Protein backbone atom coordinates (compact mmCIF):
# COMPACT_ATOMS: atom_id res chain seq x y z
CA MET A 1 -51.87 24.30 -17.80
CA SER A 2 -52.17 20.81 -16.40
CA VAL A 3 -51.45 18.72 -13.45
CA LEU A 4 -49.15 16.07 -15.43
CA GLU A 5 -49.05 12.43 -13.66
CA ILE A 6 -45.68 11.89 -12.37
CA VAL A 7 -43.33 8.87 -13.78
CA LYS A 8 -42.36 6.79 -10.62
CA TRP A 9 -38.50 3.92 -10.53
CA PRO A 10 -37.44 1.62 -12.08
CA ASP A 11 -39.52 3.37 -14.92
CA PRO A 12 -37.11 3.12 -17.69
CA CYS A 13 -37.85 7.08 -18.84
CA LEU A 14 -36.04 8.13 -15.67
CA MET A 15 -32.80 5.90 -17.22
CA GLU A 16 -32.47 8.02 -20.65
CA ILE A 17 -30.20 11.04 -21.72
CA CYS A 18 -32.95 13.16 -22.82
CA PRO A 19 -32.28 14.30 -26.02
CA PRO A 20 -31.57 18.50 -26.50
CA VAL A 21 -34.49 21.41 -27.14
CA GLU A 22 -33.83 22.15 -30.51
CA THR A 23 -35.98 24.65 -30.69
CA ILE A 24 -38.54 26.81 -28.24
CA THR A 25 -41.97 25.32 -29.31
CA PRO A 26 -45.58 26.06 -27.91
CA GLU A 27 -45.55 22.29 -27.07
CA ILE A 28 -42.01 22.71 -24.98
CA GLU A 29 -43.70 26.46 -23.45
CA LYS A 30 -46.79 23.97 -23.06
CA LEU A 31 -44.91 21.55 -21.06
CA ALA A 32 -42.59 24.71 -18.62
CA ALA A 33 -46.24 25.66 -17.73
CA ASP A 34 -47.31 22.06 -16.92
CA MET A 35 -43.94 21.01 -14.49
CA LEU A 36 -43.96 24.03 -12.90
CA GLU A 37 -48.15 23.30 -11.85
CA THR A 38 -47.62 19.63 -11.26
CA MET A 39 -43.91 20.54 -9.04
CA TYR A 40 -46.04 22.91 -7.35
CA ALA A 41 -49.06 20.21 -6.35
CA ALA A 42 -46.61 17.67 -5.46
CA PRO A 43 -45.28 19.60 -3.63
CA GLY A 44 -42.11 19.34 -4.64
CA ARG A 45 -38.74 22.07 -5.83
CA GLY A 46 -37.55 20.74 -9.10
CA LEU A 47 -38.97 18.23 -11.43
CA ALA A 48 -37.91 17.89 -15.19
CA ALA A 49 -38.66 16.70 -17.87
CA PRO A 50 -38.68 12.88 -17.82
CA GLN A 51 -40.31 13.27 -14.58
CA VAL A 52 -42.83 13.46 -16.68
CA GLY A 53 -42.29 10.87 -19.21
CA VAL A 54 -40.83 13.94 -21.95
CA LEU A 55 -37.73 13.09 -22.59
CA ALA A 56 -36.06 16.87 -23.65
CA ARG A 57 -33.52 18.55 -22.27
CA VAL A 58 -36.40 20.54 -20.15
CA PHE A 59 -36.32 20.76 -16.13
CA VAL A 60 -38.03 23.67 -13.70
CA MET A 61 -37.66 24.74 -10.49
CA ASP A 62 -38.74 26.50 -7.99
CA VAL A 63 -36.48 26.70 -4.18
CA GLY A 64 -37.71 28.97 -2.11
CA TRP A 65 -41.69 29.29 -3.13
CA LYS A 66 -42.37 27.29 0.13
CA GLU A 67 -41.14 29.76 2.45
CA GLY A 68 -42.80 32.44 0.33
CA LYS A 69 -40.07 33.57 -1.56
CA ALA A 70 -41.51 32.14 -5.39
CA ASP A 71 -38.95 31.48 -8.12
CA PRO A 72 -39.31 29.99 -10.41
CA LEU A 73 -37.17 28.82 -13.23
CA VAL A 74 -37.25 26.76 -16.54
CA CYS A 75 -33.87 25.59 -17.68
CA ILE A 76 -33.74 24.50 -21.29
CA ASN A 77 -30.46 22.59 -22.55
CA PRO A 78 -28.55 23.57 -19.10
CA MET A 79 -25.46 22.76 -18.42
CA LEU A 80 -22.96 22.64 -15.84
CA GLN A 81 -20.34 25.72 -16.07
CA GLU A 82 -18.12 25.74 -13.57
CA VAL A 83 -18.74 23.21 -10.10
CA SER A 84 -16.68 23.66 -6.79
CA GLU A 85 -14.23 21.32 -5.24
CA GLU A 86 -16.11 21.67 -2.29
CA ARG A 87 -18.57 19.16 -1.51
CA ALA A 88 -21.65 19.59 0.49
CA THR A 89 -23.72 16.61 2.01
CA ASN A 90 -27.88 17.11 2.09
CA ALA A 91 -30.97 14.72 2.13
CA GLU A 92 -32.09 14.52 -0.88
CA GLY A 93 -35.39 13.30 -1.90
CA CYS A 94 -37.34 12.69 -5.06
CA LEU A 95 -41.05 13.42 -6.76
CA SER A 96 -40.02 9.89 -9.01
CA ILE A 97 -39.17 7.93 -6.05
CA PRO A 98 -41.49 9.13 -3.10
CA GLY A 99 -40.90 8.29 0.32
CA VAL A 100 -36.92 7.75 0.56
CA SER A 101 -34.89 10.31 1.48
CA ALA A 102 -30.26 9.63 1.16
CA ASP A 103 -27.81 11.71 1.83
CA ILE A 104 -26.29 12.70 -1.71
CA SER A 105 -22.72 14.33 -2.16
CA ARG A 106 -21.88 17.26 -4.63
CA PRO A 107 -20.89 20.07 -5.26
CA ALA A 108 -21.23 22.83 -2.86
CA GLN A 109 -21.16 25.70 -5.99
CA VAL A 110 -22.17 25.58 -9.36
CA GLN A 111 -22.88 27.36 -11.75
CA MET A 112 -25.30 26.29 -14.35
CA VAL A 113 -26.28 27.80 -18.16
CA TRP A 114 -28.67 27.39 -19.77
CA THR A 115 -31.59 28.79 -22.25
CA GLY A 116 -35.08 30.54 -21.20
CA LEU A 117 -38.35 29.93 -22.37
CA ASN A 118 -37.27 34.01 -24.00
CA GLY A 119 -34.75 31.80 -25.92
CA GLY A 120 -32.44 33.82 -24.20
CA ARG A 121 -29.25 32.71 -22.73
CA PHE A 122 -28.93 32.65 -18.39
CA VAL A 123 -25.95 31.86 -16.02
CA GLN A 124 -26.53 31.38 -13.10
CA SER A 125 -24.59 30.86 -10.11
CA PHE A 126 -26.25 28.73 -7.37
CA SER A 127 -25.15 27.27 -3.90
CA GLY A 128 -26.98 25.63 -0.98
CA PHE A 129 -29.83 23.96 -1.16
CA ALA A 130 -30.27 25.36 -5.15
CA ALA A 131 -27.03 23.77 -6.05
CA ALA A 132 -27.90 20.29 -4.52
CA CYS A 133 -31.00 20.49 -6.77
CA VAL A 134 -29.95 22.29 -10.15
CA GLN A 135 -27.65 19.10 -9.90
CA HIS A 136 -30.76 16.45 -9.35
CA GLU A 137 -32.12 17.78 -12.07
CA LEU A 138 -29.50 17.78 -14.81
CA ASP A 139 -28.67 14.13 -12.99
CA HIS A 140 -32.23 13.11 -13.76
CA LEU A 141 -31.97 14.23 -18.06
CA ASP A 142 -28.34 12.44 -17.82
CA GLY A 143 -30.64 9.27 -17.00
CA VAL A 144 -29.26 9.37 -13.18
CA VAL A 145 -31.28 9.08 -9.86
CA THR A 146 -30.70 9.41 -6.67
CA PHE A 147 -30.10 5.61 -5.92
CA ASP A 148 -27.00 5.85 -8.16
CA HIS A 149 -24.43 8.17 -6.11
CA LEU A 150 -25.39 5.86 -2.84
CA ASP A 151 -22.45 2.39 -2.58
CA VAL A 152 -24.25 -1.31 -3.37
CA ASP A 153 -25.25 -1.45 0.59
CA THR A 154 -26.90 1.98 1.08
CA ARG A 155 -29.22 1.76 -1.98
CA ALA A 156 -30.11 -2.19 -1.35
CA ALA A 157 -31.79 -1.14 1.56
CA LEU A 158 -32.95 1.80 0.39
CA GLU A 159 -34.44 0.61 -2.95
CA ALA A 160 -36.29 -2.03 -0.24
CA GLU A 161 -37.30 0.53 1.97
CA TYR A 162 -39.47 1.91 -1.43
CA ALA A 163 -40.10 -1.87 -3.04
CA ALA A 164 -42.38 -1.61 1.08
């Protein structure tokens, strides 16, 4: 395993829609392992493939490891099946936009389906911070970054802060 370089905004890779993974190959397995190592080293709680320059529908996350409850997930071709009408606003940071945090409103609970490294299909509901993390990483797979959720004035202010 190795720590990969994290792509920083405004790299064009972060604005691309990632194609699905057709087959789980040794390269995808290595990518997932490297992404987990990179995420922990950063230190973050989620990391999507385009954030390391790879256009593939893969993300990793572990929302509890910083509190000593490690539970790493590797999500291949993830999709939301259900989203709650209730919304929650959380301060979100991004490893590709270091030093910037923005309040983002998202569905408070989601149900996601994905393929694991073993080829199995998984379905799980997420709430709280985990729901925000899932949605944040899914955004990356669709070429969306935190800035894209903000109104024009807030976005301009945070882009200026990032550029400084």
